[in-house]
Amino acid sequence: MSPAQQTLLAANEASEHRPLIITLFALFVLATLGITIWAGRQTKDAADFYAGGRQFSAFQNGLAVSGDYMSAASFLGIAGAIAIFGYDGFLYSIGFLVAWLVALLLVAEPLRNSGRYTMGDVLAYRMRQRPVRTAAGTSTIVVSIFYLLAQMAGAGVLVSLLLGITSDAGKILIVALVGVLMIVYVSIGGMKGTTWVQMVKAVLLIGGTILITFLVLLKFNFNISDLLGQAAENSGKGAAFLEPGLQYGATGTSKLDFISLGIALVLGTAGLPHILIRFYTVPDAKAARKSVNWAIGIIGGFYLMTIALGFGAAALISQEEIIASNPSGNTAAPLLALHLGGVDSTWGAILLATISAVAFATILAVVAGLTLASSSSFAHDIYANVIRKGKASGAEEVRAARWATLFIGVVSIGLGALARDLNVAGLVALAFAVAASANLPTILYSLFWKRFTTQGALWSIYGGLIVAVGLVLFSPVVSGDPKAMFPEVDFAWFPLKNPGIISIPFGFLMGWLGTVLSKEEPDVKKYAELEVRSLTGTGAH
């Protein structure tokens, strides 16, 4: 049977059990909408909308952080990257996990102590409010939209596979549906609703991944060596499949691309807006630190299991079938579930429907977290403190956040439709690069450098942001590559798919240069206050 016929058989099998698939999807959507409406009734003021009333325990927040972090990129993109590129695909897992150590050691506790709702709060504490908050809000929205692209692309691929939709119009409709749902979640539920949805989703995702991992290992009598050997043989690439170099290593440029990717993954987490705002949902800094410890444990276990997902797909499904289903491998995990249960069996269809519903839950939960981060930053930083100059009431801020949610949702739907055929892990890596280039240098300088000034903050954010986004626009991700966003045109002059190796040092350099060249005298007293507050929690909200 040809790969195309196998994929068609999988789609037909899914279509025969479509009522089951649609029921599972509908159950999750209805359950999460119920949670959102319940949480919306508990949301009384701005603190509830932005930070869930700071009532979540360390474990609850750790679970929610895990839910926010284990996105469609983790579940669909990494499994697909491993299934196609073997060892090189697993490097995404390592990068995403190691990044948490940076977040724990440098950012979690000081950030929780220093701010109220957003990254802009930390920067504005010792600098001129309006320009710094405008820059922080702009950066947050850009990073969130890059990350949202990945989730939208994942949703389009996943639901298309399940419902047998092959037309571009159908895929775009699915992306629009996800966008509408995320607008509803955030507008009604705020941080409380989003956090509970994240927790439910994290439990479902870990449960689904454990099930598939168990079934893969059972297939190979719990012998990981046999699993890897079969994956290498079935991939058609032999021993090279288990060694570095299939994706990154063929040329000097691809090796450089790998270094660039690694830097972005490791440094990006500590600058991701939807992760940073999670530290404000706990009552104190100790709980923030503990929640990161919980997250590291949960996320670490999950990423170890991606080995079974990716190599299991490579061992049990032909490369041609994986690529025929989706050129970037995004459907490898659902196809693995189908093959483990039996392509022509009811059990296979049930597994496929369950894992796909879990993946869809993952996407909905993450897009809600991202949209909340960007709409909060707009409402709190730009609307309340820049446009209204600090005179907006809490109710006005929340209203502005809801309008911002609508706008960001519409933009994400449009861009997600364009990005529907790109590998979702690669798209998320771009978001990490932009976050590490624009947000991280500014946060670290603000927390730990006494001389840092407003000009330094602005140069760092805008410099890192413009260079990172500019290099992405002129890279093979957007044009000049068969898998690019616009494959039929070529205006790519930057050879790397990830800009981190250039844009991250540039962000740090601009922060230093802007400060050194600034005529503004740093507020040493304010820095001393911030230092005491960030390290001890004295005066924290």
Protein backbone atom coordinates (compact mmCIF):
# COMPACT_ATOMS: atom_id res chain seq x y z
CA MET A 1 0.00 0.00 0.00
CA SER A 2 1.38 3.43 -0.95
CA PRO A 3 1.87 6.17 1.68
CA ALA A 4 -0.92 8.22 0.13
CA GLN A 5 -3.27 5.22 0.32
CA GLN A 6 -2.26 4.62 3.96
CA THR A 7 -2.99 8.24 4.85
CA LEU A 8 -6.30 8.02 2.97
CA LEU A 9 -7.13 4.84 4.91
CA ALA A 10 -6.36 6.68 8.17
CA ALA A 11 -8.60 9.55 7.12
CA ASN A 12 -11.37 7.14 6.09
CA GLU A 13 -11.08 5.30 9.40
CA ALA A 14 -11.36 8.62 11.17
CA SER A 15 -14.39 9.53 9.03
CA GLU A 16 -16.19 6.27 9.93
CA HIS A 17 -15.87 7.19 13.60
CA ARG A 18 -16.49 10.88 13.08
CA PRO A 19 -19.44 11.03 15.52
CA LEU A 20 -17.11 9.73 18.28
CA ILE A 21 -14.42 12.25 17.36
CA ILE A 22 -16.83 15.18 17.23
CA THR A 23 -18.40 14.08 20.56
CA LEU A 24 -15.00 14.06 22.31
CA PHE A 25 -14.13 17.50 20.91
CA ALA A 26 -17.54 18.88 21.86
CA LEU A 27 -17.29 17.45 25.40
CA PHE A 28 -13.97 19.17 26.00
CA VAL A 29 -15.11 22.48 24.54
CA LEU A 30 -18.34 22.42 26.59
CA ALA A 31 -16.47 21.44 29.79
CA THR A 32 -13.95 24.24 29.38
CA LEU A 33 -16.65 26.76 28.50
CA GLY A 34 -18.44 25.73 31.69
CA ILE A 35 -15.25 26.30 33.72
CA THR A 36 -14.77 29.66 31.99
CA ILE A 37 -18.31 30.86 32.74
CA TRP A 38 -17.97 29.72 36.39
CA ALA A 39 -14.64 31.54 36.71
CA GLY A 40 -16.09 34.61 35.02
CA ARG A 41 -18.66 34.88 37.80
CA GLN A 42 -15.80 34.85 40.37
CA THR A 43 -13.95 37.64 38.53
CA LYS A 44 -14.86 40.81 40.43
CA ASP A 45 -12.01 43.25 39.73
CA ALA A 46 -8.78 43.85 37.77
CA ALA A 47 -6.69 41.72 40.19
CA ASP A 48 -9.03 38.79 39.51
CA PHE A 49 -8.93 39.31 35.73
CA TYR A 50 -5.14 39.76 35.48
CA ALA A 51 -3.83 37.54 38.30
CA GLY A 52 -6.71 35.28 39.38
CA GLY A 53 -6.89 37.13 42.71
CA ARG A 54 -3.40 35.66 43.55
CA GLN A 55 -5.23 32.72 45.12
CA PHE A 56 -3.59 29.75 43.38
CA SER A 57 -1.29 27.41 45.30
CA ALA A 58 2.24 26.52 44.15
CA PHE A 59 1.09 23.11 42.86
CA GLN A 60 -1.94 24.55 41.05
CA ASN A 61 0.21 27.23 39.43
CA GLY A 62 2.92 24.67 38.59
CA LEU A 63 0.29 22.57 36.84
CA ALA A 64 -1.07 25.65 35.03
CA VAL A 65 2.46 26.77 34.01
CA SER A 66 3.03 23.26 32.62
CA GLY A 67 -0.25 23.52 30.75
CA ASP A 68 0.79 26.89 29.32
CA TYR A 69 4.23 25.62 28.32
CA MET A 70 3.39 22.17 26.89
CA SER A 71 1.87 23.59 23.74
CA ALA A 72 1.00 22.20 20.33
CA ALA A 73 4.70 22.62 19.56
CA SER A 74 5.60 20.20 22.33
CA PHE A 75 2.98 17.59 21.56
CA LEU A 76 2.66 17.77 17.78
CA GLY A 77 5.76 19.62 16.56
CA ILE A 78 8.44 17.83 18.58
CA ALA A 79 6.94 14.38 17.95
CA GLY A 80 6.91 15.22 14.21
CA ALA A 81 10.46 16.61 14.25
CA ILE A 82 11.78 13.46 15.98
CA ALA A 83 9.80 11.18 13.63
CA ILE A 84 11.39 12.85 10.57
CA PHE A 85 14.84 13.94 11.81
CA GLY A 86 15.52 11.55 14.71
CA TYR A 87 18.18 12.84 17.11
CA ASP A 88 18.05 16.41 15.79
CA GLY A 89 14.30 16.59 16.46
CA PHE A 90 14.84 15.61 20.11
CA LEU A 91 17.08 18.67 20.56
CA TYR A 92 13.88 20.75 20.78
CA SER A 93 12.85 18.77 23.88
CA ILE A 94 16.22 19.33 25.56
CA GLY A 95 16.18 23.06 24.80
CA PHE A 96 12.63 23.60 26.06
CA LEU A 97 13.43 21.77 29.33
CA VAL A 98 16.83 23.34 30.10
CA ALA A 99 15.25 26.78 29.59
CA TRP A 100 13.35 26.34 32.86
CA LEU A 101 16.56 26.47 34.87
CA VAL A 102 17.20 29.99 33.53
CA ALA A 103 13.64 31.01 34.43
CA LEU A 104 13.98 29.53 37.95
CA LEU A 105 17.43 30.93 38.76
CA LEU A 106 17.11 34.42 37.29
CA VAL A 107 13.52 35.51 36.85
CA ALA A 108 10.72 33.75 38.79
CA GLU A 109 11.18 35.07 42.32
CA PRO A 110 12.44 38.64 41.60
CA LEU A 111 9.70 39.14 39.02
CA ARG A 112 6.93 38.02 41.40
CA ASN A 113 8.25 40.39 44.06
CA SER A 114 8.72 43.38 41.75
CA GLY A 115 5.57 43.58 39.62
CA ARG A 116 1.81 43.47 39.86
CA TYR A 117 0.35 42.16 36.60
CA THR A 118 2.78 42.53 33.67
CA MET A 119 6.45 42.76 32.67
CA GLY A 120 5.93 46.51 32.19
CA ASP A 121 5.35 46.92 35.96
CA VAL A 122 8.91 45.78 36.69
CA LEU A 123 10.49 48.08 34.09
CA ALA A 124 8.37 51.10 35.03
CA TYR A 125 9.27 50.85 38.74
CA ARG A 126 12.53 52.78 38.30
CA MET A 127 12.14 54.35 34.84
CA ARG A 128 9.89 56.77 32.95
CA GLN A 129 6.48 55.09 32.86
CA ARG A 130 4.98 55.97 29.49
CA PRO A 131 7.80 55.10 27.00
CA VAL A 132 8.83 51.96 28.88
CA ARG A 133 5.29 50.62 29.23
CA THR A 134 4.59 51.32 25.54
CA ALA A 135 7.71 49.35 24.58
CA ALA A 136 6.90 46.47 26.98
CA GLY A 137 3.31 46.27 25.70
CA THR A 138 4.42 46.28 22.06
CA SER A 139 6.98 43.54 22.65
CA THR A 140 4.51 41.38 24.61
CA ILE A 141 1.91 41.57 21.84
CA VAL A 142 4.45 40.73 19.07
CA VAL A 143 5.90 37.72 20.96
CA SER A 144 2.40 36.44 21.81
CA ILE A 145 1.27 36.67 18.18
CA PHE A 146 4.33 34.70 16.99
CA TYR A 147 3.51 32.00 19.54
CA LEU A 148 -0.17 32.08 18.61
CA LEU A 149 0.76 31.34 14.98
CA ALA A 150 2.13 27.97 16.03
CA GLN A 151 -1.01 27.02 17.96
CA MET A 152 -3.29 28.09 15.10
CA ALA A 153 -1.22 26.11 12.58
CA GLY A 154 -1.42 23.06 14.86
CA ALA A 155 -5.20 23.38 15.20
CA GLY A 156 -5.69 23.56 11.43
CA VAL A 157 -3.57 20.46 10.81
CA LEU A 158 -5.12 18.42 13.59
CA VAL A 159 -8.80 19.00 12.92
CA SER A 160 -8.25 18.68 9.16
CA LEU A 161 -6.81 15.18 9.69
CA LEU A 162 -9.71 14.14 11.91
CA LEU A 163 -12.54 15.54 9.88
CA GLY A 164 -11.01 14.70 6.50
CA ILE A 165 -10.85 18.37 5.48
CA THR A 166 -8.38 18.89 2.64
CA SER A 167 -9.41 22.27 1.25
CA ASP A 168 -7.58 25.43 2.27
CA ALA A 169 -10.91 27.13 2.99
CA GLY A 170 -11.81 24.36 5.45
CA LYS A 171 -8.47 24.68 7.26
CA ILE A 172 -8.86 28.44 7.51
CA LEU A 173 -12.36 27.94 8.95
CA ILE A 174 -10.88 25.71 11.69
CA VAL A 175 -8.27 28.35 12.53
CA ALA A 176 -11.10 30.90 12.78
CA LEU A 177 -13.07 28.60 15.12
CA VAL A 178 -10.08 28.28 17.48
CA GLY A 179 -9.70 32.07 17.41
CA VAL A 180 -13.35 32.60 18.35
CA LEU A 181 -13.11 30.11 21.23
CA MET A 182 -9.98 31.76 22.64
CA ILE A 183 -11.66 35.20 22.51
CA VAL A 184 -14.59 33.76 24.49
CA TYR A 185 -12.32 32.06 27.09
CA VAL A 186 -10.28 35.18 27.83
CA SER A 187 -13.09 37.74 27.63
CA ILE A 188 -15.33 35.83 30.03
CA GLY A 189 -12.96 33.92 32.32
CA GLY A 190 -9.88 36.15 32.63
CA MET A 191 -6.93 34.64 34.50
CA LYS A 192 -9.07 32.46 36.76
CA GLY A 193 -10.84 30.75 33.87
CA THR A 194 -7.63 30.42 31.84
CA THR A 195 -5.74 28.91 34.81
CA TRP A 196 -8.39 26.26 35.48
CA VAL A 197 -8.52 25.36 31.78
CA GLN A 198 -4.69 25.05 31.83
CA MET A 199 -4.82 22.68 34.82
CA VAL A 200 -7.46 20.43 33.25
CA LYS A 201 -5.55 20.40 29.97
CA ALA A 202 -2.21 19.58 31.69
CA VAL A 203 -3.76 16.54 33.41
CA LEU A 204 -5.32 15.36 30.11
CA LEU A 205 -2.09 15.86 28.16
CA ILE A 206 0.11 14.06 30.69
CA GLY A 207 -2.46 11.23 30.90
CA GLY A 208 -2.66 10.88 27.11
CA THR A 209 1.12 10.96 26.73
CA ILE A 210 1.61 8.33 29.45
CA LEU A 211 -0.92 6.08 27.68
CA ILE A 212 0.78 6.36 24.26
CA THR A 213 4.26 5.96 25.81
CA PHE A 214 3.11 2.81 27.63
CA LEU A 215 1.59 1.34 24.44
CA VAL A 216 4.75 2.11 22.41
CA LEU A 217 7.04 0.52 25.01
CA LEU A 218 4.64 -2.46 25.33
CA LYS A 219 4.95 -2.96 21.56
CA PHE A 220 8.73 -3.33 21.99
CA ASN A 221 8.58 -5.29 25.28
CA PHE A 222 9.89 -2.22 27.13
CA ASN A 223 13.21 -2.52 25.29
CA ILE A 224 14.20 1.03 24.31
CA SER A 225 17.16 -0.26 22.28
CA ASP A 226 14.77 -2.27 20.07
CA LEU A 227 12.52 0.78 19.68
CA LEU A 228 15.41 3.01 18.56
CA GLY A 229 16.79 0.29 16.27
CA GLN A 230 13.43 -0.21 14.56
CA ALA A 231 12.98 3.57 14.22
CA ALA A 232 16.41 3.90 12.55
CA GLU A 233 15.70 1.01 10.19
CA ASN A 234 12.16 2.11 9.32
CA SER A 235 13.24 5.71 8.71
CA GLY A 236 15.37 4.58 5.75
CA LYS A 237 18.30 6.57 7.13
CA GLY A 238 19.91 3.83 9.21
CA ALA A 239 22.30 4.72 12.03
CA ALA A 240 22.37 8.38 10.90
CA PHE A 241 18.81 8.71 12.28
CA LEU A 242 20.14 8.29 15.83
CA GLU A 243 23.10 10.63 15.37
CA PRO A 244 23.37 14.43 15.13
CA GLY A 245 23.30 15.99 11.69
CA LEU A 246 20.15 15.02 9.77
CA GLN A 247 18.54 18.42 10.18
CA TYR A 248 21.43 20.45 11.58
CA GLY A 249 24.85 19.44 10.34
CA ALA A 250 24.80 18.89 6.60
CA THR A 251 26.35 22.33 6.03
CA GLY A 252 28.06 25.06 8.04
CA THR A 253 24.87 27.15 7.82
CA SER A 254 22.70 24.41 9.34
CA LYS A 255 25.18 23.93 12.21
CA LEU A 256 25.01 27.67 12.86
CA ASP A 257 21.20 27.44 12.68
CA PHE A 258 21.27 24.80 15.40
CA ILE A 259 23.41 26.97 17.71
CA SER A 260 21.02 29.86 17.04
CA LEU A 261 18.02 27.65 17.85
CA GLY A 262 19.64 26.35 21.06
CA ILE A 263 20.40 29.86 22.37
CA ALA A 264 16.82 30.98 21.62
CA LEU A 265 15.23 27.95 23.33
CA VAL A 266 17.37 28.17 26.47
CA LEU A 267 17.02 31.94 26.95
CA GLY A 268 13.54 32.45 25.52
CA THR A 269 11.39 30.96 28.30
CA ALA A 270 12.48 33.60 30.82
CA GLY A 271 11.14 36.29 28.46
CA LEU A 272 7.83 34.69 27.37
CA PRO A 273 4.96 37.00 28.45
CA HIS A 274 2.37 34.25 29.06
CA ILE A 275 4.83 32.41 31.34
CA LEU A 276 5.95 35.58 33.17
CA ILE A 277 2.41 36.63 34.14
CA ARG A 278 1.84 33.20 35.75
CA PHE A 279 4.22 34.20 38.57
CA TYR A 280 1.70 36.88 39.64
CA THR A 281 -1.12 34.39 40.29
CA VAL A 282 0.42 33.01 43.52
CA PRO A 283 0.29 34.72 46.93
CA ASP A 284 4.06 35.21 47.40
CA ALA A 285 7.55 34.68 45.96
CA LYS A 286 8.08 31.40 47.79
CA ALA A 287 5.03 29.97 46.03
CA ALA A 288 6.33 31.34 42.70
CA ARG A 289 9.62 29.49 43.19
CA LYS A 290 7.84 26.29 44.26
CA SER A 291 5.50 26.47 41.27
CA VAL A 292 8.53 26.55 38.95
CA ASN A 293 9.90 23.45 40.72
CA TRP A 294 6.59 21.66 40.16
CA ALA A 295 6.59 22.79 36.52
CA ILE A 296 10.15 21.50 35.95
CA GLY A 297 9.14 18.06 37.30
CA ILE A 298 5.95 17.81 35.23
CA ILE A 299 7.50 19.24 32.05
CA GLY A 300 10.65 17.11 32.45
CA GLY A 301 8.58 13.92 32.61
CA PHE A 302 6.58 15.01 29.57
CA TYR A 303 9.64 15.77 27.43
CA LEU A 304 11.20 12.41 28.29
CA MET A 305 8.04 10.80 26.94
CA THR A 306 8.36 12.71 23.64
CA ILE A 307 11.18 10.24 22.87
CA ALA A 308 8.57 7.46 22.79
CA LEU A 309 6.14 9.57 20.76
CA GLY A 310 8.66 10.61 18.08
CA PHE A 311 10.75 7.46 17.78
CA GLY A 312 7.60 5.33 18.16
CA ALA A 313 6.07 7.11 15.14
CA ALA A 314 9.32 6.62 13.19
CA ALA A 315 9.40 2.90 14.10
CA LEU A 316 5.75 2.07 13.34
CA ILE A 317 4.83 4.44 10.47
CA SER A 318 6.67 4.96 7.20
CA GLN A 319 8.35 8.32 6.63
CA GLU A 320 6.35 8.70 3.43
CA GLU A 321 3.04 8.33 5.27
CA ILE A 322 4.01 10.88 7.95
CA ILE A 323 5.11 13.42 5.33
CA ALA A 324 2.10 12.70 3.07
CA SER A 325 -0.22 13.49 5.98
CA ASN A 326 1.62 16.72 6.82
CA PRO A 327 4.92 17.87 5.23
CA SER A 328 6.28 19.12 8.58
CA GLY A 329 5.32 15.97 10.52
CA ASN A 330 2.77 17.70 12.76
CA THR A 331 0.36 14.73 12.60
CA ALA A 332 2.91 12.09 13.69
CA ALA A 333 1.50 11.76 17.25
CA PRO A 334 -2.18 11.29 16.21
CA LEU A 335 -1.12 8.85 13.44
CA LEU A 336 0.94 6.92 16.02
CA ALA A 337 -2.17 6.60 18.21
CA LEU A 338 -4.14 5.26 15.22
CA HIS A 339 -1.44 2.70 14.34
CA LEU A 340 -1.04 1.54 17.95
CA GLY A 341 -4.76 0.77 18.16
CA GLY A 342 -4.95 -0.66 14.64
CA VAL A 343 -5.61 1.36 11.49
CA ASP A 344 -8.76 -0.58 10.63
CA SER A 345 -10.09 -1.04 14.17
CA THR A 346 -12.50 0.78 16.46
CA TRP A 347 -9.83 0.85 19.19
CA GLY A 348 -7.50 2.67 16.74
CA ALA A 349 -10.18 5.26 15.99
CA ILE A 350 -10.89 5.75 19.71
CA LEU A 351 -7.17 6.29 20.41
CA LEU A 352 -6.86 8.68 17.48
CA ALA A 353 -9.92 10.65 18.61
CA THR A 354 -8.76 10.76 22.26
CA ILE A 355 -5.20 11.91 21.50
CA SER A 356 -6.41 14.44 18.97
CA ALA A 357 -8.97 15.82 21.43
CA VAL A 358 -6.16 16.14 24.01
CA ALA A 359 -4.00 17.95 21.44
CA PHE A 360 -6.92 20.24 20.60
CA ALA A 361 -7.37 20.91 24.33
CA THR A 362 -3.68 21.79 24.46
CA ILE A 363 -4.07 24.31 21.66
CA LEU A 364 -7.19 25.97 23.12
CA ALA A 365 -5.61 26.31 26.57
CA VAL A 366 -2.34 27.77 25.27
CA VAL A 367 -3.99 30.28 22.94
CA ALA A 368 -6.12 31.46 25.88
CA GLY A 369 -2.97 32.01 27.99
CA LEU A 370 -1.21 33.88 25.19
CA THR A 371 -4.19 36.06 24.40
CA LEU A 372 -4.61 36.91 28.09
CA ALA A 373 -0.92 37.94 28.33
CA SER A 374 -1.08 40.25 25.34
CA SER A 375 -4.50 41.77 26.12
CA SER A 376 -3.47 42.34 29.77
CA SER A 377 -0.31 44.10 28.66
CA PHE A 378 -2.26 46.33 26.28
CA ALA A 379 -4.91 47.20 28.87
CA HIS A 380 -2.63 47.64 31.89
CA ASP A 381 0.53 49.07 30.28
CA ILE A 382 -0.64 50.94 27.19
CA TYR A 383 -4.29 51.89 27.88
CA ALA A 384 -4.28 52.50 31.65
CA ASN A 385 -0.80 53.95 32.13
CA VAL A 386 0.03 55.54 28.76
CA ILE A 387 -3.27 56.60 27.16
CA ARG A 388 -5.17 57.30 30.42
CA LYS A 389 -1.99 58.28 32.37
CA GLY A 390 -2.85 56.10 35.36
CA LYS A 391 -6.39 57.48 35.77
CA ALA A 392 -8.30 54.43 34.44
CA SER A 393 -10.44 52.48 36.89
CA GLY A 394 -10.10 48.72 37.26
CA ALA A 395 -13.37 48.21 35.39
CA GLU A 396 -12.14 50.36 32.48
CA GLU A 397 -8.91 48.36 32.31
CA VAL A 398 -10.79 45.06 32.13
CA ARG A 399 -13.06 46.48 29.40
CA ALA A 400 -9.99 47.56 27.41
CA ALA A 401 -8.47 44.09 27.87
CA ARG A 402 -11.60 42.50 26.42
CA TRP A 403 -11.50 44.75 23.35
CA ALA A 404 -7.78 43.98 22.95
CA THR A 405 -8.62 40.25 23.11
CA LEU A 406 -10.98 40.68 20.18
CA PHE A 407 -8.36 42.56 18.10
CA ILE A 408 -5.53 40.09 18.87
CA GLY A 409 -7.85 37.18 18.09
CA VAL A 410 -8.66 38.60 14.63
CA VAL A 411 -4.96 39.24 13.84
CA SER A 412 -4.02 35.72 14.99
CA ILE A 413 -6.71 34.14 12.83
CA GLY A 414 -5.39 35.97 9.75
CA LEU A 415 -1.72 35.11 10.35
CA GLY A 416 -2.54 31.55 11.51
CA ALA A 417 -4.27 30.91 8.18
CA LEU A 418 -1.03 31.84 6.37
CA ALA A 419 1.14 29.68 8.67
CA ARG A 420 -1.02 26.55 8.53
CA ASP A 421 1.58 24.35 6.75
CA LEU A 422 4.68 25.27 8.81
CA ASN A 423 6.17 23.03 11.53
CA VAL A 424 4.71 24.26 14.80
CA ALA A 425 7.89 23.56 16.80
CA GLY A 426 9.82 25.80 14.41
CA LEU A 427 7.25 28.59 14.77
CA VAL A 428 7.44 28.45 18.56
CA ALA A 429 11.25 28.61 18.36
CA LEU A 430 10.82 31.94 16.55
CA ALA A 431 8.67 33.25 19.41
CA PHE A 432 11.40 32.18 21.85
CA ALA A 433 14.00 34.06 19.77
CA VAL A 434 11.96 37.28 19.79
CA ALA A 435 11.28 36.96 23.56
CA ALA A 436 14.97 36.34 24.32
CA SER A 437 16.04 39.27 22.09
CA ALA A 438 13.59 41.94 23.29
CA ASN A 439 12.30 40.99 26.76
CA LEU A 440 15.04 39.06 28.55
CA PRO A 441 17.88 41.63 28.25
CA THR A 442 15.60 44.39 29.55
CA ILE A 443 14.27 42.31 32.48
CA LEU A 444 17.79 41.23 33.58
CA TYR A 445 19.30 44.70 33.22
CA SER A 446 16.38 46.24 35.12
CA LEU A 447 16.63 43.76 38.00
CA PHE A 448 20.41 43.52 38.31
CA TRP A 449 22.13 46.63 36.80
CA LYS A 450 22.10 49.81 38.89
CA ARG A 451 23.03 52.15 35.99
CA PHE A 452 20.32 50.93 33.62
CA THR A 453 18.23 53.82 32.24
CA THR A 454 14.99 54.40 30.34
CA GLN A 455 16.91 54.91 27.09
CA GLY A 456 18.73 51.62 27.64
CA ALA A 457 15.39 49.83 28.14
CA LEU A 458 13.88 51.33 24.99
CA TRP A 459 16.94 50.57 22.84
CA SER A 460 17.06 47.02 24.19
CA ILE A 461 13.37 46.22 23.60
CA TYR A 462 12.95 47.93 20.23
CA GLY A 463 16.45 46.98 19.00
CA GLY A 464 16.02 43.28 19.86
CA LEU A 465 12.45 43.25 18.55
CA ILE A 466 13.16 44.96 15.22
CA VAL A 467 16.26 42.87 14.46
CA ALA A 468 14.63 39.55 15.46
CA VAL A 469 11.40 40.17 13.51
CA GLY A 470 13.31 41.71 10.57
CA LEU A 471 15.63 38.71 10.23
CA VAL A 472 12.66 36.33 10.41
CA LEU A 473 10.87 38.23 7.61
CA PHE A 474 13.91 37.86 5.34
CA SER A 475 14.65 34.24 6.32
CA PRO A 476 13.66 30.89 4.71
CA VAL A 477 10.76 30.69 7.20
CA VAL A 478 8.84 33.32 5.21
CA SER A 479 10.06 32.84 1.59
CA GLY A 480 12.49 30.98 -0.65
CA ASP A 481 11.84 27.50 0.76
CA PRO A 482 9.26 24.81 -0.18
CA LYS A 483 7.99 24.85 3.44
CA ALA A 484 8.02 28.65 3.77
CA MET A 485 4.96 30.80 4.49
CA PHE A 486 5.18 32.13 0.89
CA PRO A 487 6.98 29.32 -1.02
CA GLU A 488 6.33 30.76 -4.48
CA VAL A 489 8.41 33.92 -3.88
CA ASP A 490 11.98 34.43 -2.69
CA PHE A 491 13.16 37.54 -0.86
CA ALA A 492 15.18 35.66 1.78
CA TRP A 493 18.71 37.02 2.17
CA PHE A 494 19.26 35.90 5.80
CA PRO A 495 20.33 32.22 5.56
CA LEU A 496 19.28 31.01 9.06
CA LYS A 497 15.75 29.96 10.04
CA ASN A 498 16.30 31.20 13.61
CA PRO A 499 17.63 34.72 14.26
CA GLY A 500 18.68 34.18 17.91
CA ILE A 501 22.44 34.05 17.34
CA ILE A 502 22.34 37.62 15.98
CA SER A 503 19.29 39.22 17.62
CA ILE A 504 19.84 38.09 21.27
CA PRO A 505 23.38 39.52 21.63
CA PHE A 506 22.14 42.60 19.76
CA GLY A 507 19.34 43.10 22.34
CA PHE A 508 21.86 42.95 25.21
CA LEU A 509 24.30 45.22 23.32
CA MET A 510 21.62 47.86 22.63
CA GLY A 511 20.57 47.88 26.29
CA TRP A 512 24.16 48.52 27.34
CA LEU A 513 24.83 51.07 24.58
CA GLY A 514 21.60 52.99 25.22
CA THR A 515 22.47 53.24 28.92
CA VAL A 516 26.09 54.28 28.37
CA LEU A 517 25.11 56.99 25.86
CA SER A 518 22.16 58.22 27.93
CA LYS A 519 22.37 61.61 29.64
CA GLU A 520 19.72 60.50 32.13
CA GLU A 521 20.92 59.96 35.69
CA PRO A 522 19.78 56.55 36.96
CA ASP A 523 17.54 56.67 40.03
CA VAL A 524 19.85 54.93 42.50
CA LYS A 525 17.35 55.18 45.35
CA LYS A 526 14.61 53.52 43.28
CA TYR A 527 17.05 50.77 42.24
CA ALA A 528 17.91 50.12 45.90
CA GLU A 529 14.19 49.82 46.68
CA LEU A 530 13.68 47.46 43.73
CA GLU A 531 16.68 45.35 44.76
CA VAL A 532 15.40 44.90 48.32
CA ARG A 533 11.89 44.21 47.06
CA SER A 534 12.95 41.72 44.37
CA LEU A 535 15.20 39.76 46.75
CA THR A 536 13.12 39.81 49.93
CA GLY A 537 9.53 40.41 48.81
CA THR A 538 9.16 43.45 51.12
CA GLY A 539 6.36 45.62 49.77
CA ALA A 540 5.37 43.12 47.07
CA HIS A 541 1.72 43.10 45.99
